[in-house]
């Protein structure tokens, strides 16, 4: 699945055949088995989001980064004081595409500054890896957060599995973790999944602090916003606040195996795709956390549509993605347009018409 690992900022690989998904992600995923169950829904025994028997890469001492507590932001204005709501799918380092998409929606001006007044903007996670400038993407989102707040709106972001992966690679390096399928390390997994050496070189403490404090889920105007199309969130709490607190506490403890398990669960996908089990899985999450529809990134829409091409197919053979994909009986909205595979970086105003 590695795409452009170690390439400089001027390299952009945009092919269907280079964005490979392991066989397990195409399996139907049943609804979450419920509290107390030890089953792992929808994954084969010994599942790991990386290949088996990953080598331990000897890079020297492990880097440990302590997450320092930061002051809580000021209370947000009442909902009726805000403007329209927008969401952004997976960016994966494609900064120029992100800027163009935000400008097209009138959210930023030609200089890249916030221009949407009291509008609300949510990023659904996965800012880095595979693309050329993940740190540039994070810098832009951080700056827009301050500018939007000053204008009476907000720009916020959720935790994606690639934020967990980059944090793990920086903190734990090549320290072996209990993957359940042989020796694995965050460093090897990060490189396998498109980690860019230029991102690692430019990563600073304030980027790490920002990523470690991201929420895992939120609700806005009846939309339950998450990164991954999985029911694994149920393992971390029975409310939005509890899930977010548990994820942050897990990262604060700085335990490699705990962080790996969190990354592994956030990497699960396709829980909502099955025609029968999918809507039930969505309803289970909505019943616990609230909202009337889930909006997520993580799984590229071409894979959800089952039209992914093959390794031998020429570039451009996949489906044309023009907008979000509504499925699971209208209960789920997929926002990953597949920018890493010659698709489209999606920015969408909610609610959708359909």
Protein backbone atom coordinates (compact mmCIF):
# COMPACT_ATOMS: atom_id res chain seq x y z
CA UNK A 1 0.00 0.00 0.00
CA UNK A 2 3.00 2.23 0.12
CA UNK A 3 2.66 5.09 -2.26
CA UNK A 4 5.47 7.54 -2.72
CA UNK A 5 7.25 6.61 0.51
CA UNK A 6 10.32 8.77 0.92
CA UNK A 7 9.62 10.94 -2.10
CA UNK A 8 10.15 14.68 -2.07
CA UNK A 9 7.45 17.32 -2.25
CA UNK A 10 7.48 17.38 -6.07
CA UNK A 11 6.34 13.78 -6.47
CA UNK A 12 2.67 12.90 -6.84
CA UNK A 13 1.60 9.36 -7.60
CA UNK A 14 -2.03 9.21 -8.63
CA UNK A 15 -2.95 5.74 -9.81
CA UNK A 16 -5.54 3.18 -8.95
CA UNK A 17 -3.11 0.31 -9.11
CA UNK A 18 -0.70 1.82 -6.58
CA UNK A 19 -3.40 2.26 -3.95
CA UNK A 20 -3.70 -1.34 -2.87
CA UNK A 21 -6.10 -2.60 -0.25
CA UNK A 22 -5.45 -5.92 1.51
CA UNK A 23 -7.97 -8.67 0.90
CA UNK A 24 -9.50 -8.42 4.36
CA UNK A 25 -11.04 -5.01 3.75
CA UNK A 26 -13.36 -6.43 1.10
CA UNK A 27 -15.01 -8.78 3.57
CA UNK A 28 -18.45 -7.96 4.88
CA UNK A 29 -18.34 -6.45 8.35
CA UNK A 30 -21.19 -7.33 10.71
CA UNK A 31 -22.56 -4.98 13.29
CA UNK A 32 -20.60 -4.51 16.50
CA UNK A 33 -21.12 -7.58 18.74
CA UNK A 34 -21.99 -5.44 21.74
CA UNK A 35 -20.51 -4.59 25.13
CA UNK A 36 -18.37 -7.27 26.70
CA UNK A 37 -17.78 -9.21 23.50
CA UNK A 38 -14.22 -10.26 22.68
CA UNK A 39 -14.90 -10.75 19.01
CA UNK A 40 -13.36 -8.54 16.37
CA UNK A 41 -16.16 -7.95 13.83
CA UNK A 42 -15.35 -8.24 10.18
CA UNK A 43 -11.65 -9.11 10.43
CA UNK A 44 -9.88 -12.45 10.08
CA UNK A 45 -8.15 -14.04 13.05
CA UNK A 46 -4.76 -12.47 13.61
CA UNK A 47 -5.69 -9.28 11.78
CA UNK A 48 -3.18 -6.48 11.48
CA UNK A 49 -3.39 -3.37 9.26
CA UNK A 50 0.11 -4.12 7.98
CA UNK A 51 1.70 -7.09 6.30
CA UNK A 52 2.78 -10.11 8.30
CA UNK A 53 6.21 -10.37 9.84
CA UNK A 54 7.19 -6.77 9.33
CA UNK A 55 10.91 -6.31 9.90
CA UNK A 56 12.21 -4.38 12.86
CA UNK A 57 14.04 -1.38 11.45
CA UNK A 58 16.97 -0.49 13.67
CA UNK A 59 17.00 3.28 13.69
CA UNK A 60 18.52 3.85 17.10
CA UNK A 61 16.85 5.05 20.24
CA UNK A 62 13.08 5.37 20.41
CA UNK A 63 11.74 8.91 20.36
CA UNK A 64 9.42 9.61 23.28
CA UNK A 65 7.19 12.67 23.06
CA UNK A 66 5.27 13.74 26.14
CA UNK A 67 1.83 15.23 25.55
CA UNK A 68 1.55 18.35 27.67
CA UNK A 69 -1.89 19.50 28.83
CA UNK A 70 -3.14 22.56 27.01
CA UNK A 71 -5.80 25.05 28.09
CA UNK A 72 -9.30 24.34 26.91
CA UNK A 73 -10.56 26.58 24.09
CA UNK A 74 -13.26 29.13 24.88
CA UNK A 75 -16.84 27.97 24.75
CA UNK A 76 -18.35 27.99 21.28
CA UNK A 77 -21.25 30.27 20.43
CA UNK A 78 -24.75 28.89 20.31
CA UNK A 79 -25.56 26.86 17.19
CA UNK A 80 -27.88 29.49 15.71
CA UNK A 81 -25.02 32.00 15.71
CA UNK A 82 -23.06 29.92 13.24
CA UNK A 83 -23.27 29.83 9.46
CA UNK A 84 -23.31 26.86 7.05
CA UNK A 85 -21.61 23.54 7.86
CA UNK A 86 -18.92 22.01 5.60
CA UNK A 87 -16.92 18.79 5.81
CA UNK A 88 -13.64 17.81 4.13
CA UNK A 89 -12.62 14.25 3.27
CA UNK A 90 -9.18 12.68 3.48
CA UNK A 91 -6.42 15.06 2.30
CA UNK A 92 -3.31 12.85 2.56
CA UNK A 93 -0.79 15.59 1.93
CA UNK A 94 -2.31 17.02 -1.24
CA UNK A 95 -2.07 20.64 -0.18
CA UNK A 96 -2.61 22.29 -3.56
CA UNK A 97 -5.75 20.23 -4.18
CA UNK A 98 -7.05 21.17 -0.75
CA UNK A 99 -6.47 24.87 -1.33
CA UNK A 100 -8.23 24.70 -4.70
CA UNK A 101 -11.23 22.84 -3.21
CA UNK A 102 -11.59 25.30 -0.31
CA UNK A 103 -11.36 28.25 -2.68
CA UNK A 104 -14.00 26.72 -4.96
CA UNK A 105 -16.42 26.63 -2.01
CA UNK A 106 -15.56 30.20 -0.98
CA UNK A 107 -14.06 29.15 2.34
CA UNK A 108 -10.68 30.75 1.70
CA UNK A 109 -9.62 33.60 -0.57
CA UNK A 110 -6.96 33.72 -3.27
CA UNK A 111 -4.30 34.28 -0.61
CA UNK A 112 -5.40 31.21 1.36
CA UNK A 113 -6.97 33.19 4.22
CA UNK A 114 -10.32 32.32 5.82
CA UNK A 115 -13.09 34.16 3.98
CA UNK A 116 -16.23 32.34 5.12
CA UNK A 117 -17.19 34.45 8.13
CA UNK A 118 -19.15 32.40 10.68
CA UNK A 119 -19.20 29.21 8.60
CA UNK A 120 -18.22 25.90 10.19
CA UNK A 121 -15.64 23.55 8.68
CA UNK A 122 -14.83 20.01 9.84
CA UNK A 123 -11.90 17.96 8.56
CA UNK A 124 -12.51 14.22 8.90
CA UNK A 125 -8.87 13.22 9.43
CA UNK A 126 -5.93 11.74 7.51
CA UNK A 127 -3.91 14.88 6.76
CA UNK A 128 -0.59 13.18 6.02
CA UNK A 129 1.03 10.22 4.21
CA UNK A 130 0.96 9.22 0.54
CA UNK A 131 0.86 12.84 -0.70
CA UNK A 132 3.69 15.37 -0.95
CA UNK A 133 3.01 17.89 1.85
CA UNK A 134 1.25 16.55 4.92
CA UNK A 135 2.88 19.04 7.27
CA UNK A 136 1.81 21.89 4.99
CA UNK A 137 -1.77 20.59 5.26
CA UNK A 138 -1.60 20.54 9.07
CA UNK A 139 -0.13 24.04 9.13
CA UNK A 140 -2.98 25.30 6.94
CA UNK A 141 -5.67 23.68 9.09
CA UNK A 142 -4.12 25.08 12.27
CA UNK A 143 -3.97 28.58 10.81
CA UNK A 144 -7.54 28.42 9.46
CA UNK A 145 -8.74 27.33 12.91
CA UNK A 146 -7.49 30.59 14.40
CA UNK A 147 -8.76 32.73 11.52
CA UNK A 148 -12.21 31.13 11.50
CA UNK A 149 -12.59 31.59 15.27
CA UNK A 150 -11.67 35.27 14.92
CA UNK A 151 -14.37 35.64 12.26
CA UNK A 152 -17.10 34.03 14.38
CA UNK A 153 -16.99 30.59 12.79
CA UNK A 154 -14.81 27.56 13.35
CA UNK A 155 -12.49 25.14 11.61
CA UNK A 156 -12.00 21.85 13.47
CA UNK A 157 -10.50 18.45 12.78
CA UNK A 158 -10.98 14.80 13.72
CA UNK A 159 -8.40 12.12 14.44
CA UNK A 160 -7.70 9.77 11.53
CA UNK A 161 -5.79 6.51 11.55
CA UNK A 162 -2.88 8.20 9.75
CA UNK A 163 -2.51 10.76 12.54
CA UNK A 164 -2.23 7.82 14.95
CA UNK A 165 0.28 6.20 12.63
CA UNK A 166 2.50 9.28 12.35
CA UNK A 167 2.35 9.88 16.11
CA UNK A 168 3.33 6.25 16.68
CA UNK A 169 6.18 6.36 14.21
CA UNK A 170 7.58 9.48 15.87
CA UNK A 171 7.12 8.29 19.46
CA UNK A 172 7.94 4.60 19.23
CA UNK A 173 10.01 4.25 16.03
CA UNK A 174 11.05 0.62 15.57
CA UNK A 175 9.97 -0.62 19.00
CA UNK A 176 8.20 -3.96 18.42
CA UNK A 177 4.47 -4.03 19.20
CA UNK A 178 2.03 -6.89 19.77
CA UNK A 179 0.35 -6.93 16.38
CA UNK A 180 -1.17 -10.39 16.61
CA UNK A 181 0.43 -11.42 13.30
CA UNK A 182 4.17 -11.39 13.81
CA UNK A 183 6.64 -8.65 14.54
CA UNK A 184 5.42 -5.14 13.70
CA UNK A 185 6.62 -1.63 14.40
CA UNK A 186 5.01 1.77 13.94
CA UNK A 187 7.96 2.88 11.81
CA UNK A 188 7.60 -0.02 9.38
CA UNK A 189 3.81 0.37 9.25
CA UNK A 190 4.13 4.10 8.59
CA UNK A 191 6.48 3.52 5.66
CA UNK A 192 4.30 0.68 4.35
CA UNK A 193 1.27 2.98 4.37
CA UNK A 194 2.81 5.87 2.48
CA UNK A 195 4.78 7.70 5.15
CA UNK A 196 6.76 10.59 3.68
CA UNK A 197 10.26 11.20 5.04
CA UNK A 198 9.90 14.91 4.32
CA UNK A 199 6.89 15.01 6.68
CA UNK A 200 8.88 13.33 9.43
CA UNK A 201 11.77 15.73 8.96
CA UNK A 202 9.46 18.77 9.25
CA UNK A 203 7.38 17.43 12.13
CA UNK A 204 7.63 19.70 15.19
CA UNK A 205 6.37 19.52 18.76
CA UNK A 206 3.38 21.78 18.09
CA UNK A 207 2.25 19.46 15.27
CA UNK A 208 2.49 16.49 17.63
CA UNK A 209 0.56 18.31 20.36
CA UNK A 210 -2.17 19.29 17.91
CA UNK A 211 -2.59 15.76 16.51
CA UNK A 212 -2.63 14.15 19.96
CA UNK A 213 -5.53 16.37 21.11
CA UNK A 214 -7.84 15.83 18.14
CA UNK A 215 -11.33 14.49 18.81
CA UNK A 216 -12.29 11.08 17.50
CA UNK A 217 -15.94 11.98 16.83
CA UNK A 218 -18.35 14.89 17.01
CA UNK A 219 -21.97 15.72 16.23
CA UNK A 220 -23.04 18.71 14.18
CA UNK A 221 -26.56 19.49 12.97
CA UNK A 222 -27.65 15.88 13.33
CA UNK A 223 -24.56 14.51 11.59
CA UNK A 224 -22.33 12.12 13.51
CA UNK A 225 -18.86 12.93 12.20
CA UNK A 226 -16.20 10.21 12.37
CA UNK A 227 -13.10 9.31 10.40
CA UNK A 228 -13.49 5.56 9.95
CA UNK A 229 -16.47 3.55 8.75
CA UNK A 230 -16.25 1.12 11.66
CA UNK A 231 -18.15 0.30 14.84
CA UNK A 232 -14.86 0.11 16.80
CA UNK A 233 -15.67 3.48 18.39
CA UNK A 234 -18.03 1.54 20.67
CA UNK A 235 -14.98 -0.02 22.34
CA UNK A 236 -13.97 3.39 23.72
CA UNK A 237 -17.08 4.75 25.39
CA UNK A 238 -20.86 5.13 25.35
CA UNK A 239 -20.88 8.86 24.61
CA UNK A 240 -19.01 11.21 22.30
CA UNK A 241 -17.29 12.82 25.27
CA UNK A 242 -16.24 9.45 26.69
CA UNK A 243 -14.78 8.26 23.39
CA UNK A 244 -12.80 11.47 22.90
CA UNK A 245 -11.51 11.38 26.48
CA UNK A 246 -10.50 7.72 26.22
CA UNK A 247 -8.60 8.25 22.97
CA UNK A 248 -6.71 11.23 24.39
CA UNK A 249 -5.92 9.38 27.62
CA UNK A 250 -4.62 6.41 25.64
CA UNK A 251 -2.21 8.65 23.74
CA UNK A 252 -1.14 10.40 26.93
CA UNK A 253 -0.10 7.11 28.55
CA UNK A 254 2.46 6.68 25.75
CA UNK A 255 2.17 2.88 25.75
CA UNK A 256 3.21 1.44 22.37
CA UNK A 257 0.88 -1.58 22.50
CA UNK A 258 -2.14 0.51 23.55
CA UNK A 259 -1.47 3.02 20.78
CA UNK A 260 -1.04 0.22 18.26
CA UNK A 261 -4.39 -1.29 19.26
CA UNK A 262 -6.03 2.12 18.85
CA UNK A 263 -4.46 2.52 15.41
CA UNK A 264 -5.50 -1.02 14.45
CA UNK A 265 -9.13 -0.39 15.38
CA UNK A 266 -9.26 2.97 13.60
CA UNK A 267 -7.96 1.21 10.47
CA UNK A 268 -11.00 -1.07 10.23
CA UNK A 269 -13.41 -0.22 7.44
CA UNK A 270 -16.53 -1.18 5.45
CA UNK A 271 -18.80 -1.77 8.46
CA UNK A 272 -21.65 0.06 6.70
CA UNK A 273 -21.27 -1.34 3.17
CA UNK A 274 -23.25 -4.55 3.39
CA UNK A 275 -26.83 -4.05 2.22
CA UNK A 276 -28.34 -5.78 5.26
CA UNK A 277 -25.79 -5.46 8.07
CA UNK A 278 -24.59 -1.99 7.06
CA UNK A 279 -27.67 0.03 8.03
CA UNK A 280 -27.88 -1.88 11.32
CA UNK A 281 -24.26 -0.99 12.13
CA UNK A 282 -24.93 2.68 11.41
CA UNK A 283 -28.06 2.68 13.57
CA UNK A 284 -26.12 1.12 16.45
CA UNK A 285 -23.67 4.02 16.42
CA UNK A 286 -26.42 6.62 16.01
CA UNK A 287 -28.41 5.11 18.88
CA UNK A 288 -25.41 5.36 21.20
CA UNK A 289 -23.85 8.66 20.13
CA UNK A 290 -26.77 10.59 18.61
CA UNK A 291 -27.44 12.08 15.22
CA UNK A 292 -29.51 10.92 12.28
CA UNK A 293 -26.74 10.26 9.73
CA UNK A 294 -23.05 9.31 9.84
CA UNK A 295 -20.50 11.23 7.77
CA UNK A 296 -17.08 9.58 7.43
CA UNK A 297 -13.85 9.47 5.47
CA UNK A 298 -11.22 6.67 5.47
CA UNK A 299 -12.62 4.30 2.82
CA UNK A 300 -12.24 5.68 -0.71
CA UNK A 301 -15.56 5.87 -2.52
CA UNK A 302 -14.29 3.73 -5.45
CA UNK A 303 -13.82 0.84 -3.01
CA UNK A 304 -17.24 1.35 -1.46
CA UNK A 305 -18.70 1.20 -4.96
CA UNK A 306 -16.81 -2.03 -5.63
CA UNK A 307 -15.24 -0.56 -8.76
CA UNK A 308 -11.55 -0.38 -8.00
CA UNK A 309 -9.85 -1.65 -11.13
CA UNK A 310 -6.93 -4.06 -11.07
CA UNK A 311 -3.16 -3.88 -10.86
CA UNK A 312 -2.90 -4.34 -14.62
CA UNK A 313 -5.43 -1.65 -15.45
CA UNK A 314 -4.20 1.58 -17.01
CA UNK A 315 -4.46 4.82 -15.08
CA UNK A 316 -7.83 6.50 -15.24
CA UNK A 317 -9.77 3.23 -15.48
CA UNK A 318 -11.66 3.75 -12.23
CA UNK A 319 -14.93 5.50 -11.53
CA UNK A 320 -15.22 9.27 -11.77
CA UNK A 321 -15.96 10.73 -8.35
CA UNK A 322 -17.92 13.96 -8.41
CA UNK A 323 -19.24 14.13 -4.87
CA UNK A 324 -20.01 12.27 -1.64
CA UNK A 325 -21.46 8.76 -1.70
CA UNK A 326 -24.73 8.25 0.22
CA UNK A 327 -25.38 4.62 1.14
CA UNK A 328 -26.51 2.25 3.94
CA UNK A 329 -30.13 3.12 3.29
CA UNK A 330 -29.32 6.83 3.26
CA UNK A 331 -27.82 6.70 6.77
CA UNK A 332 -24.15 7.06 5.80
CA UNK A 333 -22.21 9.60 3.74
CA UNK A 334 -18.71 8.74 2.51
CA UNK A 335 -16.38 11.70 1.96
CA UNK A 336 -13.08 10.13 0.84
CA UNK A 337 -13.07 10.88 -2.88
CA UNK A 338 -9.81 9.02 -3.44
CA UNK A 339 -7.41 11.91 -4.04
CA UNK A 340 -4.50 9.47 -3.66
CA UNK A 341 -5.80 7.36 -6.55
CA UNK A 342 -6.55 10.00 -9.20
CA UNK A 343 -9.87 10.77 -7.55
CA UNK A 344 -11.12 14.01 -6.04
CA UNK A 345 -10.57 15.82 -2.76
CA UNK A 346 -14.09 16.48 -1.52
CA UNK A 347 -15.35 19.54 0.34
CA UNK A 348 -19.10 19.40 0.87
CA UNK A 349 -21.74 21.57 2.51
CA UNK A 350 -24.19 19.71 4.75
CA UNK A 351 -26.94 18.65 4.77
CA UNK A 352 -27.05 16.89 1.42
CA UNK A 353 -30.15 17.00 -0.71
CA UNK A 354 -30.32 13.19 -0.80
